[in-house]
Amino acid sequence: MKTQTLLALILGLAAAPAAFAFASANLVKNSGFDEVYDSGMPADWLNISHPNHLARTGTTVVVVPEGQFLRVTRRTLAGVQLGEQRIPLQPSTKEVRVALRIRASDLKLGDADWQAPGITFSWILADNTERHLGPASWLLLRYNVDRWTPLETLLTKPDDAVGLRIAFQGNGWTGQADFDDVVVEPL
């Protein structure tokens, strides 16, 4: 009887921290680009420019099957949409961690400091309008690097925000950029 009680107590204590552990999750759908539509575009990433517009601007967007990541190649500075997600957030969320892995080659940046590959974001308000966060908050890669480079930031959610819009930055840079493991994690 004492052995059973002691075992129950030990198992109970071992399980107790899990009951109180903070459960957090990545809210980005298809964050590792494992799912692809028949068109070849990444599933769940909306508002990618039409293939004709991408072709006219010298831009390709493709999920690379070996390694499952998104590759964007741009030959001109013309603006294109490369994909976005609108992510709802709970009212209790106070901060949001945004992260990704990125690498780039043959990169040529635009004249403005925000004209680089990466992720932009804005807060979604209850009336479905957006409050843009400035380029200083964006996750941008400003140099060539052939290894995966993690970028992350912590954002403080305003009380009136109900969600976060993330989008790949598609203006003012040329070259090739690879994106993977996009994370939006409420804290």
N, C-alpha and C. Protein backbone atom coordinates (compact mmCIF):
# COMPACT_ATOMS: atom_id res chain seq x y z
N MET A 1 0.82 -1.19 0.00
CA MET A 1 0.00 0.00 0.00
C MET A 1 0.87 1.26 0.00
N LYS A 2 1.93 1.27 0.82
CA LYS A 2 2.81 2.43 0.88
C LYS A 2 3.51 2.64 -0.46
N THR A 3 3.91 1.56 -1.11
CA THR A 3 4.58 1.67 -2.40
C THR A 3 3.64 2.28 -3.44
N GLN A 4 2.37 1.84 -3.45
CA GLN A 4 1.40 2.39 -4.40
C GLN A 4 1.14 3.87 -4.12
N THR A 5 1.05 4.25 -2.85
CA THR A 5 0.81 5.63 -2.49
C THR A 5 2.01 6.50 -2.90
N LEU A 6 3.21 6.01 -2.61
CA LEU A 6 4.42 6.74 -2.97
C LEU A 6 4.53 6.89 -4.49
N LEU A 7 4.23 5.82 -5.22
CA LEU A 7 4.26 5.86 -6.68
C LEU A 7 3.23 6.85 -7.20
N ALA A 8 2.04 6.86 -6.66
CA ALA A 8 0.99 7.79 -7.07
C ALA A 8 1.42 9.23 -6.80
N LEU A 9 2.06 9.47 -5.65
CA LEU A 9 2.52 10.79 -5.30
C LEU A 9 3.62 11.25 -6.27
N ILE A 10 4.56 10.37 -6.59
CA ILE A 10 5.63 10.70 -7.52
C ILE A 10 5.07 10.99 -8.91
N LEU A 11 4.18 10.14 -9.38
CA LEU A 11 3.57 10.36 -10.69
C LEU A 11 2.75 11.64 -10.70
N GLY A 12 2.07 11.91 -9.62
CA GLY A 12 1.27 13.14 -9.52
C GLY A 12 2.14 14.37 -9.56
N LEU A 13 3.27 14.35 -8.86
CA LEU A 13 4.18 15.49 -8.88
C LEU A 13 4.83 15.66 -10.24
N ALA A 14 5.15 14.56 -10.87
CA ALA A 14 5.76 14.63 -12.20
C ALA A 14 4.79 15.22 -13.21
N ALA A 15 3.51 14.93 -13.04
CA ALA A 15 2.50 15.44 -13.97
C ALA A 15 2.08 16.86 -13.62
N ALA A 16 2.25 17.27 -12.37
CA ALA A 16 1.77 18.57 -11.93
C ALA A 16 2.34 19.74 -12.73
N PRO A 17 3.64 19.81 -12.98
CA PRO A 17 4.14 20.95 -13.75
C PRO A 17 3.51 21.06 -15.12
N ALA A 18 3.22 19.94 -15.75
CA ALA A 18 2.59 19.99 -17.07
C ALA A 18 1.21 20.63 -16.99
N ALA A 19 0.51 20.41 -15.90
CA ALA A 19 -0.81 20.99 -15.75
C ALA A 19 -0.74 22.50 -15.65
N PHE A 20 0.38 23.03 -15.15
CA PHE A 20 0.52 24.46 -14.98
C PHE A 20 1.42 25.08 -16.04
N ALA A 21 1.95 24.28 -16.94
CA ALA A 21 2.88 24.78 -17.95
C ALA A 21 2.14 25.71 -18.92
N PHE A 22 2.85 26.70 -19.40
CA PHE A 22 2.29 27.61 -20.38
C PHE A 22 2.25 26.92 -21.73
N ALA A 23 1.07 26.80 -22.26
CA ALA A 23 0.91 26.14 -23.56
C ALA A 23 0.86 27.22 -24.63
N SER A 24 1.86 27.27 -25.46
CA SER A 24 1.91 28.24 -26.54
C SER A 24 2.05 27.49 -27.85
N ALA A 25 1.59 28.12 -28.90
CA ALA A 25 1.63 27.45 -30.19
C ALA A 25 1.89 28.47 -31.29
N ASN A 26 2.46 28.00 -32.37
CA ASN A 26 2.64 28.82 -33.55
C ASN A 26 1.29 28.94 -34.25
N LEU A 27 0.83 30.16 -34.49
CA LEU A 27 -0.47 30.40 -35.11
C LEU A 27 -0.41 30.50 -36.63
N VAL A 28 0.79 30.45 -37.20
CA VAL A 28 0.93 30.54 -38.66
C VAL A 28 0.56 29.20 -39.28
N LYS A 29 -0.33 29.24 -40.24
CA LYS A 29 -0.68 28.02 -40.97
C LYS A 29 0.38 27.75 -42.03
N ASN A 30 0.75 26.50 -42.19
CA ASN A 30 1.73 26.11 -43.20
C ASN A 30 3.03 26.91 -43.05
N SER A 31 3.49 27.02 -41.82
CA SER A 31 4.65 27.85 -41.52
C SER A 31 5.95 27.30 -42.10
N GLY A 32 5.98 25.98 -42.38
CA GLY A 32 7.16 25.36 -42.95
C GLY A 32 7.00 25.02 -44.41
N PHE A 33 5.91 25.48 -45.02
CA PHE A 33 5.64 25.30 -46.46
C PHE A 33 5.58 23.83 -46.86
N ASP A 34 5.00 23.02 -45.97
CA ASP A 34 4.85 21.59 -46.24
C ASP A 34 3.68 21.29 -47.16
N GLU A 35 2.71 22.21 -47.24
CA GLU A 35 1.54 22.00 -48.09
C GLU A 35 1.59 22.98 -49.27
N VAL A 36 1.29 22.44 -50.45
CA VAL A 36 1.36 23.24 -51.67
C VAL A 36 0.08 23.01 -52.47
N TYR A 37 -0.50 24.08 -52.99
CA TYR A 37 -1.67 23.97 -53.86
C TYR A 37 -1.25 23.36 -55.20
N ASP A 38 -2.21 22.89 -55.99
CA ASP A 38 -1.92 22.34 -57.32
C ASP A 38 -1.17 23.34 -58.20
N SER A 39 -1.38 24.63 -57.95
CA SER A 39 -0.73 25.68 -58.74
C SER A 39 0.76 25.80 -58.41
N GLY A 40 1.19 25.14 -57.34
CA GLY A 40 2.58 25.24 -56.90
C GLY A 40 2.80 26.29 -55.83
N MET A 41 1.76 27.08 -55.55
CA MET A 41 1.87 28.11 -54.52
C MET A 41 1.69 27.49 -53.14
N PRO A 42 2.28 28.09 -52.11
CA PRO A 42 2.15 27.54 -50.76
C PRO A 42 0.73 27.68 -50.23
N ALA A 43 0.21 26.61 -49.67
CA ALA A 43 -1.14 26.63 -49.09
C ALA A 43 -1.19 27.63 -47.94
N ASP A 44 -2.35 28.24 -47.77
CA ASP A 44 -2.67 29.13 -46.66
C ASP A 44 -1.99 30.50 -46.72
N TRP A 45 -1.12 30.72 -47.68
CA TRP A 45 -0.52 32.04 -47.86
C TRP A 45 -1.31 32.75 -48.95
N LEU A 46 -2.05 33.78 -48.58
CA LEU A 46 -2.99 34.43 -49.48
C LEU A 46 -2.38 35.65 -50.16
N ASN A 47 -3.05 36.10 -51.21
CA ASN A 47 -2.74 37.34 -51.92
C ASN A 47 -1.33 37.37 -52.52
N ILE A 48 -0.92 36.25 -53.08
CA ILE A 48 0.30 36.24 -53.88
C ILE A 48 -0.10 36.81 -55.24
N SER A 49 0.70 37.72 -55.77
CA SER A 49 0.37 38.34 -57.06
C SER A 49 0.07 37.27 -58.11
N HIS A 50 -0.78 37.64 -59.04
CA HIS A 50 -1.17 36.74 -60.14
C HIS A 50 0.09 36.32 -60.91
N PRO A 51 0.12 35.06 -61.38
CA PRO A 51 1.31 34.59 -62.13
C PRO A 51 1.72 35.50 -63.28
N ASN A 52 0.75 36.12 -63.98
CA ASN A 52 1.10 37.03 -65.08
C ASN A 52 1.85 38.25 -64.57
N HIS A 53 1.40 38.80 -63.42
CA HIS A 53 2.09 39.96 -62.84
C HIS A 53 3.47 39.57 -62.34
N LEU A 54 3.58 38.40 -61.72
CA LEU A 54 4.88 37.92 -61.28
C LEU A 54 5.84 37.80 -62.46
N ALA A 55 5.35 37.23 -63.57
CA ALA A 55 6.20 37.07 -64.77
C ALA A 55 6.61 38.42 -65.33
N ARG A 56 5.66 39.38 -65.40
CA ARG A 56 5.98 40.71 -65.94
C ARG A 56 7.02 41.43 -65.10
N THR A 57 7.03 41.16 -63.79
CA THR A 57 7.97 41.84 -62.90
C THR A 57 9.23 41.02 -62.65
N GLY A 58 9.37 39.91 -63.35
CA GLY A 58 10.57 39.09 -63.19
C GLY A 58 10.67 38.44 -61.83
N THR A 59 9.54 38.05 -61.28
CA THR A 59 9.50 37.46 -59.94
C THR A 59 8.99 36.03 -60.02
N THR A 60 9.65 35.13 -59.33
CA THR A 60 9.13 33.77 -59.18
C THR A 60 8.94 33.49 -57.69
N VAL A 61 7.87 32.77 -57.41
CA VAL A 61 7.56 32.33 -56.05
C VAL A 61 7.32 30.84 -56.15
N VAL A 62 8.12 30.04 -55.43
CA VAL A 62 8.00 28.60 -55.55
C VAL A 62 8.36 27.95 -54.21
N VAL A 63 7.67 26.87 -53.91
CA VAL A 63 8.05 26.06 -52.76
C VAL A 63 9.04 25.02 -53.27
N VAL A 64 10.22 25.01 -52.69
CA VAL A 64 11.27 24.08 -53.10
C VAL A 64 11.00 22.74 -52.41
N PRO A 65 10.73 21.68 -53.20
CA PRO A 65 10.37 20.39 -52.59
C PRO A 65 11.46 19.81 -51.70
N GLU A 66 12.71 19.96 -52.09
CA GLU A 66 13.80 19.45 -51.27
C GLU A 66 14.04 20.45 -50.16
N GLY A 67 13.55 20.14 -48.98
CA GLY A 67 13.73 21.03 -47.85
C GLY A 67 12.47 21.79 -47.47
N GLN A 68 11.49 21.82 -48.35
CA GLN A 68 10.21 22.48 -48.08
C GLN A 68 10.39 23.89 -47.54
N PHE A 69 10.79 24.81 -48.40
CA PHE A 69 10.87 26.21 -48.03
C PHE A 69 10.40 27.05 -49.21
N LEU A 70 10.08 28.31 -48.94
CA LEU A 70 9.61 29.22 -49.97
C LEU A 70 10.80 29.97 -50.55
N ARG A 71 10.92 29.95 -51.88
CA ARG A 71 11.99 30.67 -52.57
C ARG A 71 11.36 31.76 -53.43
N VAL A 72 11.88 32.97 -53.25
CA VAL A 72 11.44 34.11 -54.05
C VAL A 72 12.65 34.63 -54.80
N THR A 73 12.52 34.74 -56.12
CA THR A 73 13.57 35.30 -56.96
C THR A 73 12.98 36.53 -57.63
N ARG A 74 13.70 37.67 -57.51
CA ARG A 74 13.20 38.93 -58.08
C ARG A 74 14.27 39.53 -58.98
N ARG A 75 13.86 39.90 -60.18
CA ARG A 75 14.79 40.49 -61.17
C ARG A 75 14.60 42.00 -61.30
N THR A 76 13.46 42.53 -60.84
CA THR A 76 13.20 43.97 -60.92
C THR A 76 12.74 44.48 -59.56
N LEU A 77 12.75 45.79 -59.41
CA LEU A 77 12.35 46.41 -58.15
C LEU A 77 10.83 46.58 -58.03
N ALA A 78 10.09 46.28 -59.08
CA ALA A 78 8.64 46.48 -59.08
C ALA A 78 7.98 45.75 -57.92
N GLY A 79 6.96 46.37 -57.37
CA GLY A 79 6.25 45.79 -56.23
C GLY A 79 5.39 44.60 -56.62
N VAL A 80 5.44 43.57 -55.81
CA VAL A 80 4.59 42.38 -55.97
C VAL A 80 4.16 41.91 -54.59
N GLN A 81 3.07 41.17 -54.55
CA GLN A 81 2.63 40.55 -53.31
C GLN A 81 3.16 39.13 -53.29
N LEU A 82 3.78 38.76 -52.18
CA LEU A 82 4.43 37.45 -52.09
C LEU A 82 3.73 36.51 -51.12
N GLY A 83 2.63 36.93 -50.53
CA GLY A 83 1.87 36.08 -49.61
C GLY A 83 1.73 36.72 -48.25
N GLU A 84 0.59 36.48 -47.64
CA GLU A 84 0.30 37.03 -46.32
C GLU A 84 -0.65 36.13 -45.56
N GLN A 85 -0.72 36.34 -44.26
CA GLN A 85 -1.72 35.69 -43.41
C GLN A 85 -2.23 36.71 -42.39
N ARG A 86 -3.52 36.60 -42.10
CA ARG A 86 -4.15 37.42 -41.05
C ARG A 86 -4.42 36.47 -39.89
N ILE A 87 -3.81 36.76 -38.75
CA ILE A 87 -3.81 35.83 -37.63
C ILE A 87 -4.57 36.44 -36.46
N PRO A 88 -5.71 35.82 -36.08
CA PRO A 88 -6.45 36.34 -34.92
C PRO A 88 -5.68 36.09 -33.62
N LEU A 89 -5.84 37.02 -32.69
CA LEU A 89 -5.19 36.90 -31.39
C LEU A 89 -6.23 37.01 -30.28
N GLN A 90 -6.02 36.29 -29.21
CA GLN A 90 -6.90 36.34 -28.05
C GLN A 90 -6.76 37.70 -27.35
N PRO A 91 -7.85 38.21 -26.76
CA PRO A 91 -7.75 39.48 -26.02
C PRO A 91 -6.71 39.44 -24.90
N SER A 92 -6.49 38.27 -24.33
CA SER A 92 -5.53 38.15 -23.22
C SER A 92 -4.08 38.21 -23.68
N THR A 93 -3.83 38.13 -24.98
CA THR A 93 -2.46 38.19 -25.49
C THR A 93 -1.87 39.57 -25.24
N LYS A 94 -0.70 39.60 -24.63
CA LYS A 94 -0.02 40.87 -24.34
C LYS A 94 1.16 41.11 -25.28
N GLU A 95 1.85 40.02 -25.63
CA GLU A 95 3.00 40.12 -26.52
C GLU A 95 2.94 39.00 -27.55
N VAL A 96 3.60 39.25 -28.67
CA VAL A 96 3.64 38.28 -29.75
C VAL A 96 5.09 38.16 -30.22
N ARG A 97 5.57 36.92 -30.27
CA ARG A 97 6.90 36.66 -30.82
C ARG A 97 6.73 36.32 -32.29
N VAL A 98 7.45 37.03 -33.16
CA VAL A 98 7.43 36.78 -34.59
C VAL A 98 8.85 36.38 -34.99
N ALA A 99 8.96 35.28 -35.74
CA ALA A 99 10.28 34.78 -36.11
C ALA A 99 10.21 34.09 -37.47
N LEU A 100 11.37 33.91 -38.08
CA LEU A 100 11.51 33.14 -39.30
C LEU A 100 12.98 32.81 -39.51
N ARG A 101 13.20 31.89 -40.43
CA ARG A 101 14.56 31.62 -40.92
C ARG A 101 14.61 32.14 -42.35
N ILE A 102 15.74 32.75 -42.70
CA ILE A 102 15.87 33.36 -44.02
C ILE A 102 17.32 33.26 -44.48
N ARG A 103 17.51 33.21 -45.78
CA ARG A 103 18.85 33.32 -46.38
C ARG A 103 18.68 34.00 -47.73
N ALA A 104 19.77 34.55 -48.26
CA ALA A 104 19.65 35.29 -49.51
C ALA A 104 20.96 35.23 -50.29
N SER A 105 20.82 35.35 -51.62
CA SER A 105 21.98 35.42 -52.50
C SER A 105 21.70 36.41 -53.62
N ASP A 106 22.76 36.94 -54.19
CA ASP A 106 22.66 37.96 -55.25
C ASP A 106 21.77 39.12 -54.85
N LEU A 107 21.73 39.42 -53.58
CA LEU A 107 20.83 40.43 -53.04
C LEU A 107 21.31 41.84 -53.35
N LYS A 108 20.41 42.64 -53.89
CA LYS A 108 20.65 44.06 -54.10
C LYS A 108 19.47 44.79 -53.46
N LEU A 109 19.77 45.62 -52.48
CA LEU A 109 18.73 46.32 -51.74
C LEU A 109 18.34 47.61 -52.44
N GLY A 110 17.14 48.06 -52.13
CA GLY A 110 16.67 49.34 -52.66
C GLY A 110 17.30 50.50 -51.92
N ASP A 111 16.89 51.70 -52.26
CA ASP A 111 17.45 52.91 -51.66
C ASP A 111 16.99 53.12 -50.22
N ALA A 112 15.79 52.70 -49.90
CA ALA A 112 15.26 52.87 -48.54
C ALA A 112 15.68 51.68 -47.68
N ASP A 113 15.84 51.90 -46.37
CA ASP A 113 16.32 50.84 -45.49
C ASP A 113 15.33 49.68 -45.37
N TRP A 114 14.07 49.89 -45.73
CA TRP A 114 13.08 48.81 -45.64
C TRP A 114 13.00 47.99 -46.93
N GLN A 115 13.73 48.33 -47.95
CA GLN A 115 13.65 47.63 -49.23
C GLN A 115 14.61 46.44 -49.22
N ALA A 116 14.18 45.40 -48.50
CA ALA A 116 14.96 44.19 -48.31
C ALA A 116 13.99 43.03 -48.10
N PRO A 117 14.40 41.79 -48.36
CA PRO A 117 13.50 40.66 -48.15
C PRO A 117 13.26 40.42 -46.66
N GLY A 118 12.06 39.99 -46.36
CA GLY A 118 11.72 39.67 -44.97
C GLY A 118 10.22 39.66 -44.77
N ILE A 119 9.82 39.94 -43.54
CA ILE A 119 8.40 39.92 -43.19
C ILE A 119 8.01 41.28 -42.61
N THR A 120 6.87 41.79 -43.07
CA THR A 120 6.29 43.01 -42.54
C THR A 120 5.06 42.63 -41.71
N PHE A 121 4.64 43.51 -40.81
CA PHE A 121 3.42 43.23 -40.06
C PHE A 121 2.67 44.50 -39.72
N SER A 122 1.37 44.29 -39.45
CA SER A 122 0.50 45.36 -38.98
C SER A 122 -0.55 44.75 -38.06
N TRP A 123 -1.02 45.55 -37.12
CA TRP A 123 -2.08 45.10 -36.22
C TRP A 123 -3.41 45.19 -36.92
N ILE A 124 -4.25 44.21 -36.72
CA ILE A 124 -5.62 44.23 -37.22
C ILE A 124 -6.51 44.69 -36.08
N LEU A 125 -7.33 45.72 -36.34
CA LEU A 125 -8.21 46.27 -35.32
C LEU A 125 -9.61 45.68 -35.46
N ALA A 126 -10.45 45.90 -34.47
CA ALA A 126 -11.79 45.30 -34.42
C ALA A 126 -12.63 45.69 -35.63
N ASP A 127 -12.44 46.90 -36.18
CA ASP A 127 -13.21 47.33 -37.35
C ASP A 127 -12.60 46.84 -38.66
N ASN A 128 -11.64 45.92 -38.58
CA ASN A 128 -10.95 45.30 -39.71
C ASN A 128 -10.00 46.26 -40.45
N THR A 129 -9.70 47.39 -39.85
CA THR A 129 -8.66 48.26 -40.40
C THR A 129 -7.32 47.79 -39.85
N GLU A 130 -6.25 48.35 -40.40
CA GLU A 130 -4.92 47.95 -39.96
C GLU A 130 -4.14 49.14 -39.44
N ARG A 131 -3.34 48.89 -38.42
CA ARG A 131 -2.39 49.86 -37.91
C ARG A 131 -1.01 49.31 -38.23
N HIS A 132 -0.37 49.94 -39.20
CA HIS A 132 0.92 49.45 -39.68
C HIS A 132 2.02 49.70 -38.66
N LEU A 133 2.86 48.72 -38.51
CA LEU A 133 4.07 48.89 -37.71
C LEU A 133 5.14 49.34 -38.70
N GLY A 134 5.93 50.27 -38.33
CA GLY A 134 6.94 50.81 -39.23
C GLY A 134 8.03 49.82 -39.57
N PRO A 135 8.80 50.13 -40.61
CA PRO A 135 9.87 49.24 -41.06
C PRO A 135 10.89 48.91 -39.97
N ALA A 136 11.05 49.77 -38.97
CA ALA A 136 12.00 49.48 -37.90
C ALA A 136 11.59 48.23 -37.12
N SER A 137 10.32 47.87 -37.18
CA SER A 137 9.81 46.68 -36.48
C SER A 137 9.86 45.42 -37.34
N TRP A 138 9.98 45.57 -38.65
CA TRP A 138 9.93 44.44 -39.56
C TRP A 138 11.16 43.55 -39.41
N LEU A 139 11.02 42.31 -39.83
CA LEU A 139 12.14 41.36 -39.85
C LEU A 139 12.70 41.32 -41.26
N LEU A 140 13.82 41.99 -41.48
CA LEU A 140 14.40 42.11 -42.81
C LEU A 140 15.84 41.62 -42.81
N LEU A 141 16.24 41.01 -43.92
CA LEU A 141 17.62 40.58 -44.11
C LEU A 141 18.28 41.56 -45.06
N ARG A 142 19.38 42.16 -44.65
CA ARG A 142 20.02 43.21 -45.44
C ARG A 142 21.38 42.82 -46.00
N TYR A 143 21.64 41.51 -46.08
CA TYR A 143 22.93 41.07 -46.60
C TYR A 143 22.79 39.65 -47.15
N ASN A 144 23.74 39.27 -48.01
CA ASN A 144 23.77 37.91 -48.55
C ASN A 144 24.29 36.96 -47.48
N VAL A 145 23.64 35.83 -47.35
CA VAL A 145 24.09 34.80 -46.43
C VAL A 145 23.60 33.46 -46.96
N ASP A 146 24.53 32.49 -47.05
CA ASP A 146 24.15 31.20 -47.65
C ASP A 146 23.67 30.18 -46.62
N ARG A 147 23.70 30.55 -45.35
CA ARG A 147 23.17 29.64 -44.32
C ARG A 147 21.87 30.23 -43.77
N TRP A 148 21.03 29.36 -43.26
CA TRP A 148 19.78 29.82 -42.67
C TRP A 148 20.09 30.74 -41.49
N THR A 149 19.47 31.91 -41.48
CA THR A 149 19.69 32.91 -40.45
C THR A 149 18.37 33.18 -39.73
N PRO A 150 18.32 32.97 -38.42
CA PRO A 150 17.09 33.25 -37.70
C PRO A 150 16.94 34.75 -37.43
N LEU A 151 15.73 35.25 -37.63
CA LEU A 151 15.38 36.62 -37.27
C LEU A 151 14.14 36.55 -36.39
N GLU A 152 14.10 37.35 -35.35
CA GLU A 152 12.91 37.36 -34.51
C GLU A 152 12.77 38.69 -33.80
N THR A 153 11.53 38.98 -33.40
CA THR A 153 11.23 40.19 -32.65
C THR A 153 10.08 39.90 -31.71
N LEU A 154 9.95 40.74 -30.71
CA LEU A 154 8.86 40.64 -29.76
C LEU A 154 8.03 41.91 -29.90
N LEU A 155 6.73 41.74 -30.16
CA LEU A 155 5.83 42.88 -30.34
C LEU A 155 4.88 42.97 -29.16
N THR A 156 4.64 44.17 -28.67
CA THR A 156 3.65 44.40 -27.62
C THR A 156 2.32 44.70 -28.29
N LYS A 157 1.31 43.86 -28.01
CA LYS A 157 0.00 44.00 -28.67
C LYS A 157 -0.78 45.15 -28.03
N PRO A 158 -1.25 46.09 -28.86
CA PRO A 158 -2.11 47.15 -28.33
C PRO A 158 -3.44 46.56 -27.86
N ASP A 159 -4.07 47.19 -26.89
CA ASP A 159 -5.34 46.68 -26.35
C ASP A 159 -6.43 46.60 -27.41
N ASP A 160 -6.41 47.49 -28.42
CA ASP A 160 -7.47 47.49 -29.42
C ASP A 160 -7.19 46.56 -30.61
N ALA A 161 -6.08 45.84 -30.59
CA ALA A 161 -5.76 44.91 -31.69
C ALA A 161 -6.42 43.56 -31.45
N VAL A 162 -6.97 43.00 -32.53
CA VAL A 162 -7.60 41.67 -32.45
C VAL A 162 -6.83 40.64 -33.27
N GLY A 163 -5.82 41.10 -33.99
CA GLY A 163 -5.04 40.18 -34.81
C GLY A 163 -3.78 40.83 -35.33
N LEU A 164 -3.01 40.03 -36.05
CA LEU A 164 -1.75 40.48 -36.64
C LEU A 164 -1.71 40.01 -38.09
N ARG A 165 -1.38 40.92 -39.00
CA ARG A 165 -1.20 40.57 -40.41
C ARG A 165 0.30 40.51 -40.66
N ILE A 166 0.75 39.38 -41.22
CA ILE A 166 2.14 39.24 -41.62
C ILE A 166 2.17 39.08 -43.13
N ALA A 167 3.22 39.61 -43.76
CA ALA A 167 3.34 39.50 -45.22
C ALA A 167 4.82 39.49 -45.59
N PHE A 168 5.13 38.79 -46.67
CA PHE A 168 6.49 38.82 -47.19
C PHE A 168 6.69 40.14 -47.92
N GLN A 169 7.81 40.79 -47.68
CA GLN A 169 8.11 42.10 -48.24
C GLN A 169 8.53 41.96 -49.69
N GLY A 170 7.75 42.52 -50.59
CA GLY A 170 7.99 42.34 -52.02
C GLY A 170 8.28 43.61 -52.79
N ASN A 171 8.91 44.59 -52.17
CA ASN A 171 9.21 45.86 -52.85
C ASN A 171 10.68 46.22 -52.73
N GLY A 172 11.25 46.73 -53.83
CA GLY A 172 12.51 47.44 -53.79
C GLY A 172 13.77 46.63 -53.62
N TRP A 173 13.75 45.33 -53.85
CA TRP A 173 14.97 44.53 -53.77
C TRP A 173 14.97 43.52 -54.89
N THR A 174 16.17 43.07 -55.24
CA THR A 174 16.31 42.01 -56.24
C THR A 174 17.24 40.94 -55.67
N GLY A 175 17.20 39.78 -56.29
CA GLY A 175 18.02 38.66 -55.85
C GLY A 175 17.15 37.47 -55.50
N GLN A 176 17.69 36.59 -54.71
CA GLN A 176 16.97 35.38 -54.31
C GLN A 176 16.92 35.31 -52.78
N ALA A 177 15.73 35.07 -52.25
CA ALA A 177 15.57 34.93 -50.80
C ALA A 177 14.77 33.67 -50.52
N ASP A 178 15.20 32.92 -49.53
CA ASP A 178 14.52 31.72 -49.08
C ASP A 178 13.95 31.98 -47.69
N PHE A 179 12.71 31.52 -47.48
CA PHE A 179 12.01 31.74 -46.21
C PHE A 179 11.55 30.39 -45.66
N ASP A 180 11.62 30.22 -44.34
CA ASP A 180 11.15 28.98 -43.73
C ASP A 180 10.82 29.23 -42.26
N ASP A 181 10.06 28.32 -41.69
CA ASP A 181 9.75 28.30 -40.26
C ASP A 181 9.26 29.65 -39.75
N VAL A 182 8.20 30.16 -40.36
CA VAL A 182 7.61 31.43 -39.94
C VAL A 182 6.78 31.19 -38.68
N VAL A 183 6.99 32.03 -37.68
CA VAL A 183 6.34 31.82 -36.38
C VAL A 183 5.63 33.11 -35.94
N VAL A 184 4.38 32.95 -35.48
CA VAL A 184 3.69 33.97 -34.71
C VAL A 184 3.21 33.25 -33.46
N GLU A 185 3.81 33.62 -32.34
CA GLU A 185 3.56 32.91 -31.08
C GLU A 185 3.06 33.91 -30.04
N PRO A 186 1.80 33.78 -29.61
CA PRO A 186 1.31 34.69 -28.57
C PRO A 186 1.94 34.36 -27.22
N LEU A 187 2.28 35.38 -26.47
CA LEU A 187 2.88 35.18 -25.15
C LEU A 187 1.99 35.80 -24.09
